[in-house]
Amino acid sequence: MKALDEVMGRDFVFKKDNSNVRFLSYKIKGEEVTIVTDREWFVKHKSEILLFLDWFIPVGGVRNMGLAQVNKNQFEDVKSIIKNNIEKVQSDKSYIPQAMEVNNQIKSLIEIAKMEIDAFKVLKGA
């Protein structure tokens, strides 16, 4: 399958959990396709392959877009905020509601980053 041939040996980010994945090999047996990555094995029907591959973002594509470099300082800031919140919560339990609100805002930032990546994929396909 051409689509699978194109991803073999390449690095991707799995949208579901933002983990890094490298496609290693695949095997077709009848209508079933077994895909081996460095993380896990996936078994899919032939008709599901293109939809399945849509769950992966090429690592090279994201870097070429410059998102990793543009947002690096922002992510460092977020990591610093999270570490400070952990320390504050450990020393003062009354800080928990504020830390929870900060957590909600961080989740919003993550969703925005995901939308940027999806927009890049759409633009790249155009």
C-alpha atoms as a PDB file:
ATOM      1  CA  MET A   1       0.000   0.000   0.000  1.00  0.00           C
ATOM      2  CA  LYS A   2       1.510   3.262  -1.134  1.00  0.00           C
ATOM      3  CA  ALA A   3       0.324   5.306   1.872  1.00  0.00           C
ATOM      4  CA  LEU A   4       1.972   2.878   4.282  1.00  0.00           C
ATOM      5  CA  ASP A   5       5.149   2.673   2.219  1.00  0.00           C
ATOM      6  CA  GLU A   6       5.470   6.450   2.516  1.00  0.00           C
ATOM      7  CA  VAL A   7       5.382   6.457   6.348  1.00  0.00           C
ATOM      8  CA  MET A   8       7.761   3.580   6.977  1.00  0.00           C
ATOM      9  CA  GLY A   9      10.919   4.582   8.838  1.00  0.00           C
ATOM     10  CA  ARG A  10       9.591   8.092   9.483  1.00  0.00           C
ATOM     11  CA  ASP A  11       8.782   9.831  12.772  1.00  0.00           C
ATOM     12  CA  PHE A  12       5.319  11.130  13.611  1.00  0.00           C
ATOM     13  CA  VAL A  13       3.355  12.572  16.510  1.00  0.00           C
ATOM     14  CA  PHE A  14       0.273  10.563  17.480  1.00  0.00           C
ATOM     15  CA  LYS A  15      -2.592  13.091  17.859  1.00  0.00           C
ATOM     16  CA  LYS A  16      -4.362  11.007  20.499  1.00  0.00           C
ATOM     17  CA  ASP A  17      -1.677  11.488  23.147  1.00  0.00           C
ATOM     18  CA  ASN A  18       1.026  13.634  21.478  1.00  0.00           C
ATOM     19  CA  SER A  19       3.559  10.821  21.729  1.00  0.00           C
ATOM     20  CA  ASN A  20       6.334  10.267  19.211  1.00  0.00           C
ATOM     21  CA  VAL A  21       5.927   7.236  16.964  1.00  0.00           C
ATOM     22  CA  ARG A  22       8.143   5.699  14.289  1.00  0.00           C
ATOM     23  CA  PHE A  23       6.557   3.390  11.729  1.00  0.00           C
ATOM     24  CA  LEU A  24       8.673   0.247  11.377  1.00  0.00           C
ATOM     25  CA  SER A  25       6.819  -2.196   9.140  1.00  0.00           C
ATOM     26  CA  TYR A  26       3.475  -3.536   8.047  1.00  0.00           C
ATOM     27  CA  LYS A  27       1.983  -6.791   6.814  1.00  0.00           C
ATOM     28  CA  ILE A  28      -1.185  -7.356   4.837  1.00  0.00           C
ATOM     29  CA  LYS A  29      -3.086 -10.589   5.359  1.00  0.00           C
ATOM     30  CA  GLY A  30      -6.317 -10.683   3.402  1.00  0.00           C
ATOM     31  CA  GLU A  31      -8.295  -7.571   4.342  1.00  0.00           C
ATOM     32  CA  GLU A  32      -6.360  -7.068   7.592  1.00  0.00           C
ATOM     33  CA  VAL A  33      -3.277  -4.849   7.902  1.00  0.00           C
ATOM     34  CA  THR A  34      -0.908  -5.126  10.850  1.00  0.00           C
ATOM     35  CA  ILE A  35       1.172  -1.981  11.361  1.00  0.00           C
ATOM     36  CA  VAL A  36       4.229  -2.113  13.608  1.00  0.00           C
ATOM     37  CA  THR A  37       5.540   1.028  15.290  1.00  0.00           C
ATOM     38  CA  ASP A  38       8.204   1.489  17.915  1.00  0.00           C
ATOM     39  CA  ARG A  39       5.368   2.035  20.380  1.00  0.00           C
ATOM     40  CA  GLU A  40       2.783  -0.617  19.608  1.00  0.00           C
ATOM     41  CA  TRP A  41       1.173  -2.768  16.935  1.00  0.00           C
ATOM     42  CA  PHE A  42      -2.051  -1.724  15.248  1.00  0.00           C
ATOM     43  CA  VAL A  43      -4.410  -4.048  13.376  1.00  0.00           C
ATOM     44  CA  LYS A  44      -6.753  -2.336  10.921  1.00  0.00           C
ATOM     45  CA  HIS A  45      -8.979  -3.235   8.000  1.00  0.00           C
ATOM     46  CA  LYS A  46      -7.587  -2.130   4.626  1.00  0.00           C
ATOM     47  CA  SER A  47     -10.424   0.357   4.257  1.00  0.00           C
ATOM     48  CA  GLU A  48      -9.414   2.094   7.514  1.00  0.00           C
ATOM     49  CA  ILE A  49      -5.757   2.768   6.677  1.00  0.00           C
ATOM     50  CA  LEU A  50      -6.038   6.316   5.321  1.00  0.00           C
ATOM     51  CA  LEU A  51      -8.287   7.379   8.198  1.00  0.00           C
ATOM     52  CA  PHE A  52      -5.884   5.725  10.657  1.00  0.00           C
ATOM     53  CA  LEU A  53      -2.860   7.500   9.172  1.00  0.00           C
ATOM     54  CA  ASP A  54      -4.641  10.823   9.601  1.00  0.00           C
ATOM     55  CA  TRP A  55      -4.095  10.418  13.365  1.00  0.00           C
ATOM     56  CA  PHE A  56      -0.357  10.970  12.831  1.00  0.00           C
ATOM     57  CA  ILE A  57       1.446  14.245  12.138  1.00  0.00           C
ATOM     58  CA  PRO A  58       4.838  14.088  10.418  1.00  0.00           C
ATOM     59  CA  VAL A  59       7.481  15.395  12.794  1.00  0.00           C
ATOM     60  CA  GLY A  60       9.444  16.944   9.936  1.00  0.00           C
ATOM     61  CA  GLY A  61       6.384  18.858   8.767  1.00  0.00           C
ATOM     62  CA  VAL A  62       5.861  20.482  12.132  1.00  0.00           C
ATOM     63  CA  ARG A  63       9.505  21.472  12.400  1.00  0.00           C
ATOM     64  CA  ASN A  64       9.517  22.890   8.878  1.00  0.00           C
ATOM     65  CA  MET A  65       6.569  25.064   9.794  1.00  0.00           C
ATOM     66  CA  GLY A  66       8.609  26.506  12.654  1.00  0.00           C
ATOM     67  CA  LEU A  67       5.974  25.859  15.314  1.00  0.00           C
ATOM     68  CA  ALA A  68       8.422  24.090  17.599  1.00  0.00           C
ATOM     69  CA  GLN A  69      10.815  27.029  17.610  1.00  0.00           C
ATOM     70  CA  VAL A  70       8.190  29.758  17.756  1.00  0.00           C
ATOM     71  CA  ASN A  71       6.469  28.199  20.759  1.00  0.00           C
ATOM     72  CA  LYS A  72       9.546  26.893  22.569  1.00  0.00           C
ATOM     73  CA  ASN A  73       9.679  29.872  24.940  1.00  0.00           C
ATOM     74  CA  GLN A  74       5.958  29.619  25.588  1.00  0.00           C
ATOM     75  CA  PHE A  75       6.297  25.958  26.540  1.00  0.00           C
ATOM     76  CA  GLU A  76       9.231  26.759  28.818  1.00  0.00           C
ATOM     77  CA  ASP A  77       7.060  29.418  30.498  1.00  0.00           C
ATOM     78  CA  VAL A  78       4.205  26.935  30.915  1.00  0.00           C
ATOM     79  CA  LYS A  79       6.540  24.333  32.405  1.00  0.00           C
ATOM     80  CA  SER A  80       7.814  26.931  34.864  1.00  0.00           C
ATOM     81  CA  ILE A  81       4.262  27.893  35.862  1.00  0.00           C
ATOM     82  CA  ILE A  82       3.343  24.242  36.401  1.00  0.00           C
ATOM     83  CA  LYS A  83       6.412  23.635  38.570  1.00  0.00           C
ATOM     84  CA  ASN A  84       5.666  26.755  40.642  1.00  0.00           C
ATOM     85  CA  ASN A  85       2.043  25.662  41.079  1.00  0.00           C
ATOM     86  CA  ILE A  86       3.109  22.228  42.269  1.00  0.00           C
ATOM     87  CA  GLU A  87       5.375  23.813  44.873  1.00  0.00           C
ATOM     88  CA  LYS A  88       2.624  26.222  45.999  1.00  0.00           C
ATOM     89  CA  VAL A  89       0.041  23.433  46.310  1.00  0.00           C
ATOM     90  CA  GLN A  90       2.487  21.309  48.295  1.00  0.00           C
ATOM     91  CA  SER A  91       3.098  24.138  50.751  1.00  0.00           C
ATOM     92  CA  ASP A  92      -0.421  25.649  50.846  1.00  0.00           C
ATOM     93  CA  LYS A  93      -3.515  23.533  50.144  1.00  0.00           C
ATOM     94  CA  SER A  94      -5.670  26.674  49.862  1.00  0.00           C
ATOM     95  CA  TYR A  95      -3.908  27.374  46.545  1.00  0.00           C
ATOM     96  CA  ILE A  96      -5.536  24.303  44.920  1.00  0.00           C
ATOM     97  CA  PRO A  97      -8.521  26.173  43.361  1.00  0.00           C
ATOM     98  CA  GLN A  98      -6.205  28.692  41.698  1.00  0.00           C
ATOM     99  CA  ALA A  99      -3.899  25.900  40.515  1.00  0.00           C
ATOM    100  CA  MET A 100      -6.906  24.111  39.021  1.00  0.00           C
ATOM    101  CA  GLU A 101      -7.850  27.243  37.076  1.00  0.00           C
ATOM    102  CA  VAL A 102      -4.282  27.586  35.790  1.00  0.00           C
ATOM    103  CA  ASN A 103      -4.480  23.921  34.734  1.00  0.00           C
ATOM    104  CA  ASN A 104      -7.641  24.681  32.724  1.00  0.00           C
ATOM    105  CA  GLN A 105      -5.872  27.545  30.958  1.00  0.00           C
ATOM    106  CA  ILE A 106      -2.903  25.320  30.131  1.00  0.00           C
ATOM    107  CA  LYS A 107      -5.294  22.781  28.624  1.00  0.00           C
ATOM    108  CA  SER A 108      -6.675  25.590  26.450  1.00  0.00           C
ATOM    109  CA  LEU A 109      -3.161  26.415  25.247  1.00  0.00           C
ATOM    110  CA  ILE A 110      -2.639  22.769  24.337  1.00  0.00           C
ATOM    111  CA  GLU A 111      -5.883  22.728  22.342  1.00  0.00           C
ATOM    112  CA  ILE A 112      -4.779  25.859  20.491  1.00  0.00           C
ATOM    113  CA  ALA A 113      -1.465  24.200  19.620  1.00  0.00           C
ATOM    114  CA  LYS A 114      -3.362  21.171  18.303  1.00  0.00           C
ATOM    115  CA  MET A 115      -5.506  23.452  16.131  1.00  0.00           C
ATOM    116  CA  GLU A 116      -2.351  25.107  14.764  1.00  0.00           C
ATOM    117  CA  ILE A 117      -1.004  21.693  13.813  1.00  0.00           C
ATOM    118  CA  ASP A 118      -4.295  20.730  12.147  1.00  0.00           C
ATOM    119  CA  ALA A 119      -4.278  24.019  10.238  1.00  0.00           C
ATOM    120  CA  PHE A 120      -0.738  23.305   9.076  1.00  0.00           C
ATOM    121  CA  LYS A 121      -1.845  19.903   7.807  1.00  0.00           C
ATOM    122  CA  VAL A 122      -4.705  21.476   5.855  1.00  0.00           C
ATOM    123  CA  LEU A 123      -2.412  24.122   4.365  1.00  0.00           C
ATOM    124  CA  LYS A 124       0.224  21.531   3.514  1.00  0.00           C
ATOM    125  CA  GLY A 125      -2.388  19.450   1.682  1.00  0.00           C
ATOM    126  CA  ALA A 126      -3.660  22.443  -0.313  1.00  0.00           C
END
